[in-house]
N, C-alpha and C. Protein backbone atom coordinates (compact mmCIF):
# COMPACT_ATOMS: atom_id res chain seq x y z
N MET A 1 92.36 89.08 113.82
CA MET A 1 91.41 88.73 113.14
C MET A 1 91.41 89.00 111.74
N LEU A 2 91.32 88.18 110.83
CA LEU A 2 91.20 88.70 109.45
C LEU A 2 90.06 89.00 109.21
N SER A 3 90.49 90.17 108.30
CA SER A 3 88.76 90.86 108.21
C SER A 3 87.87 90.03 107.37
N LEU A 4 86.91 90.57 106.90
CA LEU A 4 85.84 89.89 106.02
C LEU A 4 86.30 89.76 104.67
N ILE A 5 87.23 91.01 104.13
CA ILE A 5 87.39 90.85 102.53
C ILE A 5 88.40 89.61 102.62
N LEU A 6 89.48 89.71 103.26
CA LEU A 6 90.60 88.73 103.43
C LEU A 6 89.72 87.20 103.55
N THR A 7 89.19 87.09 104.49
CA THR A 7 88.59 86.00 104.76
C THR A 7 87.82 85.43 103.32
N VAL A 8 87.05 85.56 103.07
CA VAL A 8 86.19 85.48 101.95
C VAL A 8 87.23 84.98 100.81
N PHE A 9 88.19 85.88 100.80
CA PHE A 9 89.26 85.88 99.67
C PHE A 9 90.25 84.69 99.79
N PHE A 10 90.60 84.45 100.95
CA PHE A 10 91.26 83.18 101.34
C PHE A 10 90.21 81.68 101.15
N VAL A 11 89.03 81.99 101.48
CA VAL A 11 88.34 80.75 101.37
C VAL A 11 88.23 80.52 99.78
N HIS A 12 88.12 81.52 99.06
CA HIS A 12 87.84 81.19 97.67
C HIS A 12 89.40 80.63 96.93
N VAL A 13 90.37 81.19 97.56
CA VAL A 13 91.60 80.46 97.14
C VAL A 13 91.50 79.55 97.59
N ALA A 14 91.17 78.80 98.56
CA ALA A 14 91.14 77.25 98.88
C ALA A 14 90.22 76.35 98.00
N ILE A 15 89.20 77.02 97.73
CA ILE A 15 88.26 76.24 96.89
C ILE A 15 88.84 76.19 95.92
N TYR A 16 89.27 77.21 95.37
CA TYR A 16 90.12 77.07 93.58
C TYR A 16 91.32 75.86 93.66
N LEU A 17 91.73 76.08 94.91
CA LEU A 17 92.89 75.10 94.86
C LEU A 17 92.62 73.57 94.82
N VAL A 18 91.58 73.54 95.74
CA VAL A 18 90.91 71.88 95.64
C VAL A 18 90.29 71.69 94.69
N ASN A 19 89.54 72.62 93.88
CA ASN A 19 89.02 72.29 92.44
C ASN A 19 89.91 72.14 91.47
N THR A 20 90.92 72.57 91.44
CA THR A 20 92.22 72.50 90.64
C THR A 20 93.05 71.27 90.57
N ILE A 21 93.42 71.16 92.00
CA ILE A 21 94.23 69.73 91.90
C ILE A 21 93.65 68.84 91.99
N GLY A 22 92.24 68.59 92.77
CA GLY A 22 91.38 67.31 92.59
C GLY A 22 91.09 66.90 93.91
N ALA A 23 89.98 66.94 94.34
CA ALA A 23 89.69 66.42 95.47
C ALA A 23 90.16 65.31 95.88
N SER A 24 90.10 64.15 94.93
CA SER A 24 90.78 62.70 95.15
C SER A 24 92.14 62.92 95.49
N THR A 25 92.91 63.90 94.75
CA THR A 25 94.48 63.88 95.06
C THR A 25 94.48 64.53 96.23
N VAL A 26 93.95 65.56 96.82
CA VAL A 26 93.73 65.80 98.07
C VAL A 26 93.94 64.72 99.14
N ASP A 27 92.63 64.03 98.60
CA ASP A 27 92.26 63.02 99.68
C ASP A 27 93.36 61.78 99.80
N SER A 28 94.19 61.86 98.82
CA SER A 28 95.42 60.89 98.52
C SER A 28 96.46 61.22 99.67
N LEU A 29 96.88 62.42 99.01
CA LEU A 29 98.05 63.25 100.09
C LEU A 29 97.37 63.01 101.28
N LEU A 30 96.51 63.30 101.84
CA LEU A 30 96.51 62.99 103.52
C LEU A 30 96.24 62.04 104.13
N TRP A 31 95.78 60.89 103.00
CA TRP A 31 95.95 59.42 103.49
C TRP A 31 97.37 59.15 103.70
N LEU A 32 98.17 59.22 102.53
CA LEU A 32 99.79 59.12 102.59
C LEU A 32 100.31 59.87 103.97
N LEU A 33 100.03 61.13 104.34
CA LEU A 33 100.23 61.89 105.36
C LEU A 33 99.71 61.24 106.88
N TYR A 34 98.85 61.14 106.61
CA TYR A 34 98.06 60.04 107.82
C TYR A 34 98.78 58.82 108.07
N LEU A 35 99.38 57.90 107.00
CA LEU A 35 100.16 56.98 107.09
C LEU A 35 101.32 57.17 107.51
N ARG A 36 101.82 58.20 107.61
CA ARG A 36 103.06 58.66 108.28
C ARG A 36 103.18 58.94 110.06
N LEU A 37 101.99 58.92 110.24
CA LEU A 37 101.65 59.31 111.68
C LEU A 37 101.59 58.27 112.64
N PRO A 38 102.50 58.04 113.69
CA PRO A 38 102.21 57.17 114.67
C PRO A 38 100.85 56.55 115.06
N THR A 39 100.09 55.76 114.25
CA THR A 39 99.01 55.36 114.79
C THR A 39 98.73 54.07 114.47
N PRO A 40 97.76 53.28 115.16
CA PRO A 40 97.57 51.75 114.88
C PRO A 40 96.97 51.74 113.17
N THR A 41 96.53 52.51 112.66
CA THR A 41 96.68 52.31 110.94
C THR A 41 97.54 52.39 110.36
N SER A 42 98.67 53.09 110.57
CA SER A 42 100.07 53.23 109.95
C SER A 42 100.71 52.11 110.09
N ARG A 43 100.50 51.39 111.46
CA ARG A 43 101.18 50.37 111.95
C ARG A 43 100.81 48.93 110.99
N THR A 44 99.25 48.93 110.68
CA THR A 44 98.61 47.97 109.96
C THR A 44 99.27 48.21 108.56
N ALA A 45 99.12 49.45 108.17
CA ALA A 45 99.88 49.87 106.68
C ALA A 45 101.06 49.15 106.72
N ARG A 46 102.07 49.21 107.65
CA ARG A 46 103.40 48.75 107.31
C ARG A 46 103.36 47.40 107.42
N LYS A 47 102.58 46.48 107.95
CA LYS A 47 102.32 44.96 108.42
C LYS A 47 101.88 44.41 107.03
N GLN A 48 100.83 45.15 106.30
CA GLN A 48 100.43 44.65 105.28
C GLN A 48 101.55 45.01 104.18
N GLN A 49 102.28 45.98 104.17
CA GLN A 49 103.34 45.83 103.06
C GLN A 49 104.20 44.79 103.30
N GLU A 50 104.64 44.75 104.84
CA GLU A 50 105.65 43.15 104.54
C GLU A 50 105.08 42.12 104.34
N LEU A 51 103.75 41.76 104.52
CA LEU A 51 102.88 40.92 104.37
C LEU A 51 103.04 40.46 102.53
N LYS A 52 102.72 41.51 102.13
CA LYS A 52 102.84 41.44 100.77
C LYS A 52 104.24 41.23 100.16
N ARG A 53 105.28 41.83 100.26
CA ARG A 53 106.34 41.37 99.98
C ARG A 53 106.86 39.92 100.38
N ALA A 54 106.31 39.55 101.82
CA ALA A 54 106.48 38.22 101.85
C ALA A 54 105.58 37.14 101.06
N VAL A 55 104.15 37.44 100.46
CA VAL A 55 103.91 36.78 99.71
C VAL A 55 104.43 36.71 98.47
N LEU A 56 104.75 37.78 97.83
CA LEU A 56 105.52 37.66 96.50
C LEU A 56 106.75 36.81 96.57
N GLU A 57 107.66 37.04 97.44
CA GLU A 57 108.84 36.01 97.68
C GLU A 57 108.52 34.66 97.58
N GLN A 58 107.33 34.23 98.66
CA GLN A 58 106.93 32.96 98.59
C GLN A 58 106.46 32.40 97.13
N LYS A 59 105.39 33.21 96.72
CA LYS A 59 105.21 32.94 95.32
C LYS A 59 106.09 32.60 94.47
N ARG A 60 107.03 33.48 94.50
CA ARG A 60 108.68 33.21 93.51
C ARG A 60 109.15 31.95 94.03
N GLU A 61 109.28 31.70 95.08
CA GLU A 61 109.82 30.58 95.61
C GLU A 61 109.09 29.37 95.19
N MET A 62 107.68 29.08 95.28
CA MET A 62 107.01 28.22 94.69
C MET A 62 107.24 28.18 93.31
N ASN A 63 107.51 29.03 92.57
CA ASN A 63 107.46 28.84 91.22
C ASN A 63 108.72 28.37 90.65
N ASN A 64 109.83 28.42 91.64
CA ASN A 64 111.05 28.10 91.20
C ASN A 64 111.43 26.70 91.88
N THR A 65 110.35 26.23 92.68
CA THR A 65 110.36 24.58 93.02
C THR A 65 109.55 24.02 92.18
N SER A 66 109.78 22.65 92.01
CA SER A 66 109.10 21.80 91.03
C SER A 66 107.91 21.29 91.91
N SER A 67 106.66 21.29 91.30
CA SER A 67 105.76 20.47 92.17
C SER A 67 105.89 18.89 92.06
N GLN A 68 106.17 18.58 91.24
CA GLN A 68 106.70 17.35 90.75
C GLN A 68 107.60 16.41 91.34
N ASP A 69 108.69 17.03 91.32
CA ASP A 69 110.14 16.40 91.68
C ASP A 69 110.52 16.87 93.22
N GLU A 70 109.98 18.07 94.18
CA GLU A 70 109.78 18.36 95.20
C GLU A 70 108.95 18.42 95.75
N PHE A 71 107.83 17.77 95.67
CA PHE A 71 106.57 17.86 96.20
C PHE A 71 106.38 18.11 97.65
N ALA A 72 107.24 17.42 98.63
CA ALA A 72 106.93 17.96 100.14
C ALA A 72 107.32 19.44 100.33
N LYS A 73 108.51 19.82 99.86
CA LYS A 73 109.10 21.13 99.84
C LYS A 73 108.08 22.40 99.30
N TRP A 74 107.43 21.69 98.25
CA TRP A 74 106.71 22.84 97.33
C TRP A 74 105.27 22.58 98.19
N ALA A 75 104.94 21.63 98.87
CA ALA A 75 103.91 21.75 99.54
C ALA A 75 103.85 22.18 100.82
N LYS A 76 105.06 22.44 101.36
CA LYS A 76 105.39 23.46 102.52
C LYS A 76 105.22 24.94 101.98
N LEU A 77 105.93 25.16 101.22
CA LEU A 77 105.99 26.41 100.16
C LEU A 77 104.30 27.03 100.24
N ARG A 78 103.85 25.94 99.79
CA ARG A 78 102.21 26.53 99.47
C ARG A 78 101.14 26.65 100.41
N ARG A 79 101.48 25.85 101.74
CA ARG A 79 100.80 26.08 102.90
C ARG A 79 101.09 27.25 103.69
N ARG A 80 102.72 27.63 103.80
CA ARG A 80 103.26 29.05 104.09
C ARG A 80 102.41 30.03 103.50
N HIS A 81 102.60 29.92 102.11
CA HIS A 81 102.09 31.12 101.32
C HIS A 81 100.67 31.24 101.31
N ASP A 82 99.74 30.43 101.63
CA ASP A 82 98.26 30.58 102.00
C ASP A 82 98.08 31.01 103.38
N LYS A 83 98.83 30.50 103.99
CA LYS A 83 98.79 31.09 105.57
C LYS A 83 98.82 33.07 105.54
N THR A 84 100.29 32.88 104.95
CA THR A 84 100.37 34.45 104.61
C THR A 84 99.49 35.22 103.53
N MET A 85 99.15 34.49 102.75
CA MET A 85 98.16 35.60 101.82
C MET A 85 96.66 35.82 102.52
N GLU A 86 96.09 34.71 103.71
CA GLU A 86 95.14 35.23 104.55
C GLU A 86 95.32 36.18 105.41
N GLU A 87 96.62 36.25 105.98
CA GLU A 87 96.68 37.19 106.90
C GLU A 87 96.84 38.45 105.97
N TYR A 88 97.34 38.61 104.89
CA TYR A 88 97.28 39.89 103.98
C TYR A 88 96.18 40.25 103.85
N GLU A 89 95.29 39.29 103.13
CA GLU A 89 94.05 39.45 102.60
C GLU A 89 93.11 39.91 104.23
N ALA A 90 93.28 39.74 105.33
CA ALA A 90 92.39 40.27 106.47
C ALA A 90 93.13 41.68 106.76
N LEU A 91 94.32 41.92 106.73
CA LEU A 91 94.96 43.18 106.83
C LEU A 91 94.77 44.25 105.86
N ASN A 92 94.44 43.73 104.35
CA ASN A 92 94.01 44.59 103.28
C ASN A 92 92.65 45.07 103.54
N LYS A 93 91.71 44.11 104.05
CA LYS A 93 90.35 44.32 104.22
C LYS A 93 89.98 45.52 105.37
N ALA A 94 91.11 45.38 106.36
CA ALA A 94 90.84 46.24 107.71
C ALA A 94 91.39 47.67 107.10
N LEU A 95 92.20 47.51 106.43
CA LEU A 95 92.98 48.83 105.91
C LEU A 95 92.26 49.45 104.96
N THR A 96 91.52 48.81 104.20
CA THR A 96 90.52 49.31 103.10
C THR A 96 89.11 49.85 103.72
N SER A 97 88.82 49.31 104.96
CA SER A 97 87.70 49.98 105.94
C SER A 97 88.18 51.22 106.44
N HIS A 98 89.41 51.21 106.85
CA HIS A 98 90.05 52.57 107.47
C HIS A 98 89.91 53.28 106.47
N LYS A 99 90.34 53.40 105.27
CA LYS A 99 90.55 54.33 104.30
C LYS A 99 89.32 54.83 104.03
N SER A 100 88.06 54.06 103.81
CA SER A 100 87.11 54.29 103.55
C SER A 100 86.59 55.37 104.41
N SER A 101 86.42 55.14 105.54
CA SER A 101 86.16 55.95 106.72
C SER A 101 86.92 57.53 106.95
N PHE A 102 88.44 57.01 106.88
CA PHE A 102 89.05 58.65 106.62
C PHE A 102 88.80 59.25 105.54
N ASP A 103 88.51 58.60 104.14
CA ASP A 103 88.18 59.56 103.01
C ASP A 103 86.93 60.23 103.27
N TRP A 104 86.00 59.50 104.02
CA TRP A 104 84.79 60.09 104.43
C TRP A 104 84.71 61.31 105.28
N THR A 105 85.38 61.18 106.15
CA THR A 105 85.74 62.09 107.33
C THR A 105 86.33 63.30 106.84
N VAL A 106 87.44 63.11 105.65
CA VAL A 106 88.28 64.06 105.13
C VAL A 106 87.13 64.87 103.90
N LYS A 107 86.60 63.91 103.44
CA LYS A 107 85.37 64.83 102.52
C LYS A 107 84.47 65.79 103.29
N ILE A 108 84.09 65.44 104.59
CA ILE A 108 83.19 66.22 105.30
C ILE A 108 83.61 67.36 105.61
N ALA A 109 85.36 67.06 106.34
CA ALA A 109 85.79 68.35 106.75
C ALA A 109 86.46 69.42 105.69
N ARG A 110 86.53 68.55 104.43
CA ARG A 110 87.11 69.58 103.31
C ARG A 110 85.84 70.57 103.10
N TRP A 111 84.74 69.65 102.91
CA TRP A 111 83.45 70.74 102.32
C TRP A 111 83.14 71.58 103.60
N LEU A 112 83.36 71.29 104.63
CA LEU A 112 82.94 72.39 106.18
C LEU A 112 83.86 73.51 105.71
N SER A 113 85.41 73.10 105.10
CA SER A 113 86.23 74.24 105.53
C SER A 113 86.61 75.05 104.39
N THR A 114 85.70 74.35 103.31
CA THR A 114 85.92 75.66 101.72
C THR A 114 84.21 75.87 101.78
N ASN A 115 83.53 75.05 100.95
CA ASN A 115 82.37 75.62 100.52
C ASN A 115 81.28 75.43 101.82
N GLY A 116 81.38 74.73 102.90
CA GLY A 116 80.36 74.86 103.78
C GLY A 116 81.06 76.57 104.51
N LEU A 117 82.16 76.67 104.56
CA LEU A 117 82.45 77.99 105.34
C LEU A 117 82.20 79.23 104.45
N LYS A 118 82.19 79.08 103.56
CA LYS A 118 81.81 79.95 102.32
C LYS A 118 80.18 80.52 102.80
N VAL A 119 79.31 79.10 102.52
CA VAL A 119 77.77 79.29 102.86
C VAL A 119 77.43 80.25 104.08
N PHE A 120 78.45 79.52 105.31
CA PHE A 120 78.19 80.22 106.47
C PHE A 120 78.42 81.62 106.45
N LEU A 121 79.59 81.88 105.80
CA LEU A 121 79.76 83.53 105.71
C LEU A 121 78.84 84.37 105.32
N GLN A 122 78.19 83.61 103.80
CA GLN A 122 77.30 84.54 103.15
C GLN A 122 76.15 84.70 103.67
N PHE A 123 75.82 83.58 104.81
CA PHE A 123 74.61 83.57 105.59
C PHE A 123 74.59 84.63 106.72
N TRP A 124 75.75 84.18 107.43
CA TRP A 124 76.00 85.05 108.58
C TRP A 124 76.14 86.42 108.75
N TYR A 125 76.91 87.08 107.53
CA TYR A 125 76.94 88.30 106.85
C TYR A 125 76.15 89.18 106.21
N SER A 126 74.77 88.33 105.57
CA SER A 126 74.44 88.77 104.61
C SER A 126 73.85 90.12 104.72
N LYS A 127 73.86 90.80 106.09
CA LYS A 127 73.41 92.23 106.06
C LYS A 127 74.52 92.90 106.50
N THR A 128 75.89 92.60 106.44
CA THR A 128 77.12 93.16 107.01
C THR A 128 77.73 93.74 105.48
N PRO A 129 77.95 95.19 104.95
CA PRO A 129 78.78 95.44 104.33
C PRO A 129 80.25 95.02 104.36
N VAL A 130 80.84 94.58 103.21
CA VAL A 130 82.28 94.18 103.11
C VAL A 130 82.94 95.17 103.15
N PHE A 131 82.65 96.52 102.56
CA PHE A 131 83.08 97.68 102.52
C PHE A 131 82.32 98.73 101.65
N PRO A 132 82.35 100.08 102.14
CA PRO A 132 81.33 101.00 101.62
C PRO A 132 82.03 101.56 100.20
N LEU A 133 81.15 101.92 99.33
CA LEU A 133 81.27 102.84 98.40
C LEU A 133 81.74 103.97 98.31
N PRO A 134 82.19 104.91 97.69
CA PRO A 134 82.47 106.05 97.81
C PRO A 134 81.11 106.72 97.69
N ALA A 135 80.79 107.83 98.62
CA ALA A 135 79.44 108.34 98.14
C ALA A 135 79.42 109.55 96.74
N GLY A 136 78.17 109.08 96.29
CA GLY A 136 78.15 110.06 94.68
C GLY A 136 78.86 109.22 93.66
N TRP A 137 79.63 108.27 93.85
CA TRP A 137 80.46 107.93 92.59
C TRP A 137 79.65 106.93 91.66
N PHE A 138 78.72 106.05 92.50
CA PHE A 138 77.78 105.41 91.40
C PHE A 138 76.34 105.71 91.34
N PRO A 139 75.76 105.42 90.22
CA PRO A 139 74.29 105.97 90.44
C PRO A 139 73.70 104.90 91.25
N TYR A 140 72.39 105.00 91.43
CA TYR A 140 71.56 104.31 92.40
C TYR A 140 71.42 102.89 91.98
N TYR A 141 71.33 102.45 90.89
CA TYR A 141 71.09 101.28 90.03
C TYR A 141 72.44 100.28 90.48
N VAL A 142 73.49 101.08 90.39
CA VAL A 142 74.50 100.09 90.58
C VAL A 142 74.76 99.93 92.13
N GLU A 143 74.87 101.04 92.91
CA GLU A 143 74.91 100.70 94.32
C GLU A 143 73.77 99.51 94.77
N TRP A 144 72.51 99.71 94.08
CA TRP A 144 71.81 98.44 94.56
C TRP A 144 72.21 97.14 94.08
N ILE A 145 72.73 97.20 93.28
CA ILE A 145 73.18 95.63 92.68
C ILE A 145 74.23 95.20 93.26
N VAL A 146 75.66 96.18 93.64
CA VAL A 146 76.32 95.46 94.51
C VAL A 146 75.95 95.36 95.75
N SER A 147 75.11 95.95 96.42
CA SER A 147 74.67 95.67 97.83
C SER A 147 73.56 94.39 97.81
N PHE A 148 72.95 94.15 96.83
CA PHE A 148 72.38 92.94 96.59
C PHE A 148 72.88 91.56 97.45
N PRO A 149 72.09 91.15 98.00
CA PRO A 149 70.42 91.08 98.23
C PRO A 149 70.32 91.83 99.63
N ARG A 150 71.30 91.85 100.68
CA ARG A 150 70.40 92.71 102.09
C ARG A 150 71.61 93.41 102.51
N ALA A 151 72.98 93.68 102.01
CA ALA A 151 73.65 94.71 102.37
C ALA A 151 73.14 96.05 102.56
N PRO A 152 73.50 97.39 103.24
CA PRO A 152 72.87 98.41 103.16
C PRO A 152 73.10 99.26 101.69
N LEU A 153 72.52 100.09 101.27
CA LEU A 153 72.58 100.44 100.04
C LEU A 153 74.03 101.65 99.92
N GLY A 154 75.10 101.45 99.14
CA GLY A 154 75.98 102.21 98.99
C GLY A 154 77.19 101.15 99.38
N SER A 155 76.86 100.24 99.76
CA SER A 155 78.11 99.14 100.14
C SER A 155 78.46 97.71 99.50
N VAL A 156 79.18 97.37 99.38
CA VAL A 156 79.57 95.91 98.69
C VAL A 156 78.92 94.89 99.56
N SER A 157 78.03 93.88 99.10
CA SER A 157 77.72 92.86 100.10
C SER A 157 78.29 91.70 99.99
N ILE A 158 78.22 90.73 100.85
CA ILE A 158 79.33 89.85 100.60
C ILE A 158 79.33 88.55 99.57
N GLN A 159 77.93 88.51 99.08
CA GLN A 159 77.28 87.53 97.91
C GLN A 159 78.31 88.52 96.81
N VAL A 160 78.37 89.79 96.37
CA VAL A 160 79.05 90.21 95.38
C VAL A 160 80.20 90.08 95.64
N TRP A 161 81.03 90.30 96.47
CA TRP A 161 82.45 90.16 96.86
C TRP A 161 82.87 88.87 96.77
N SER A 162 81.89 87.84 97.26
CA SER A 162 82.43 86.54 97.02
C SER A 162 82.24 85.74 95.19
N ASN A 163 81.61 86.33 94.53
CA ASN A 163 81.66 86.23 93.06
C ASN A 163 82.76 86.96 92.74
N VAL A 164 83.11 88.41 92.82
CA VAL A 164 84.12 89.02 92.48
C VAL A 164 85.39 88.46 92.74
N CYS A 165 85.88 87.86 93.95
CA CYS A 165 86.92 86.86 94.44
C CYS A 165 87.19 85.88 93.67
N ALA A 166 85.96 84.88 93.45
CA ALA A 166 85.78 83.83 92.56
C ALA A 166 86.29 84.07 91.09
N ALA A 167 85.64 85.09 90.41
CA ALA A 167 86.00 85.21 89.16
C ALA A 167 87.56 85.91 89.25
N ALA A 168 87.96 86.80 89.71
CA ALA A 168 89.22 87.20 89.99
C ALA A 168 90.44 86.36 90.19
N ILE A 169 89.97 85.17 91.16
CA ILE A 169 90.90 84.03 91.49
C ILE A 169 91.14 83.47 89.97
N ALA A 170 90.02 82.92 89.34
CA ALA A 170 90.00 82.11 88.12
C ALA A 170 90.75 82.94 86.88
N LEU A 171 90.71 84.05 86.81
CA LEU A 171 91.43 85.15 85.99
C LEU A 171 92.64 84.94 86.03
N ALA A 172 92.89 85.43 87.35
CA ALA A 172 94.42 85.53 87.52
C ALA A 172 95.33 83.98 87.07
N ALA A 173 94.46 83.02 87.66
CA ALA A 173 95.28 81.91 87.48
C ALA A 173 95.32 81.57 85.99
N GLU A 174 94.46 81.79 85.08
CA GLU A 174 94.62 81.50 83.73
C GLU A 174 95.64 82.24 83.55
N ILE A 175 95.76 83.76 83.49
CA ILE A 175 96.56 84.33 83.36
C ILE A 175 98.26 83.96 83.66
N VAL A 176 98.33 83.36 84.92
CA VAL A 176 99.70 82.80 85.39
C VAL A 176 99.79 81.57 84.53
N GLY A 177 98.80 80.75 84.35
CA GLY A 177 98.84 79.50 83.50
C GLY A 177 99.52 79.71 81.91
N ALA A 178 98.69 80.84 81.59
CA ALA A 178 99.41 81.31 80.08
C ALA A 178 100.75 81.77 80.05
N LEU A 179 101.02 82.70 81.23
CA LEU A 179 102.23 83.05 81.06
C LEU A 179 103.33 82.09 81.37
N LEU A 180 103.22 80.92 82.10
CA LEU A 180 103.78 79.99 82.25
C LEU A 180 104.12 79.05 80.99
N VAL A 181 103.10 78.82 80.11
CA VAL A 181 103.36 77.79 79.12
C VAL A 181 104.03 78.93 78.29
N GLN A 182 104.08 79.97 78.12
CA GLN A 182 104.69 80.65 76.97
C GLN A 182 106.03 81.03 77.36
N VAL A 183 106.34 81.20 78.75
CA VAL A 183 107.98 81.05 79.12
C VAL A 183 108.18 79.79 78.99
N ILE A 184 107.80 78.59 79.27
CA ILE A 184 108.29 77.19 79.17
C ILE A 184 108.58 77.07 77.53
N GLY A 185 107.53 77.41 76.76
CA GLY A 185 107.69 77.39 75.43
C GLY A 185 109.05 78.19 74.86
N GLN A 186 109.01 79.05 75.49
CA GLN A 186 110.21 79.73 74.66
C GLN A 186 111.55 79.46 75.07
N LYS A 187 111.48 78.67 76.64
CA LYS A 187 112.87 78.29 76.84
C LYS A 187 112.89 76.65 76.14
N GLU A 188 111.97 76.18 75.44
CA GLU A 188 112.25 74.83 74.69
C GLU A 188 112.75 75.16 73.08
N LYS A 189 112.47 76.55 72.84
CA LYS A 189 112.94 76.82 71.73
C LYS A 189 114.58 76.74 71.51
N VAL A 190 114.75 76.06 70.43
CA VAL A 190 116.60 75.74 70.10
C VAL A 190 117.02 77.24 69.28
N PRO A 191 118.03 78.09 69.85
CA PRO A 191 118.18 78.95 69.27
C PRO A 191 119.11 78.43 67.95
N VAL A 192 118.49 79.30 66.80
CA VAL A 192 119.47 79.05 65.62
C VAL A 192 120.80 79.70 65.62
N SER A 193 121.98 78.65 65.40
CA SER A 193 122.99 79.88 65.03
C SER A 193 123.19 80.46 63.67
N GLU A 194 124.50 81.26 64.12
CA GLU A 194 124.70 82.58 62.63
C GLU A 194 125.01 81.49 61.46
N GLY A 195 125.88 80.56 61.71
CA GLY A 195 126.49 79.57 60.45
C GLY A 195 125.13 79.24 59.80
N GLU A 196 124.08 78.52 60.72
CA GLU A 196 122.77 77.82 59.75
C GLU A 196 122.13 78.95 59.16
N LYS A 197 121.76 80.30 59.70
CA LYS A 197 121.17 81.36 59.08
C LYS A 197 121.71 81.43 57.86
N ALA A 198 123.05 81.73 57.48
CA ALA A 198 123.50 82.05 56.51
C ALA A 198 123.25 81.01 55.40
N GLN A 199 123.26 79.43 55.52
CA GLN A 199 122.66 78.96 54.68
C GLN A 199 121.66 78.74 54.48
């Protein structure tokens, strides 16, 4: 079992990643993964894509057929197109309904596994010290602040540790981002040859 220190840290890493990547991006990726699984919804999605291609082909064929010169052929194509379009719209409506319920479920699961877990841990372990401070190293008021609100005096509370983790992860991400920008910027600079320097 993970220690409380690492559990809180990894929860904050997950929260930071979801906030950075974006909840809607995570939802979209999960929806695409869900459609790859062998489920009735994925079969509906494949059928919907087939119908979409068929509708486009039939539309193209109708546009290439003259409604005045070849009316019988055009009318037959029109009826087939309308029937396929009805099937496509019905499947699209069903798929949209599945997607909205899927999104709702994913949002609840995402919140429970990130922010909900953070709140639960802070409530459940509010009186538990995350780790003790060395005795006599810090003045009373520092020990009181880091044990706030309910951890024993002389230890770090989960609320303080949670805030430290969030700040440290955000700072580390900023540093890594700045370093990446600097490294990429240096790679994009074109070196000047010796002949060009002399001119």
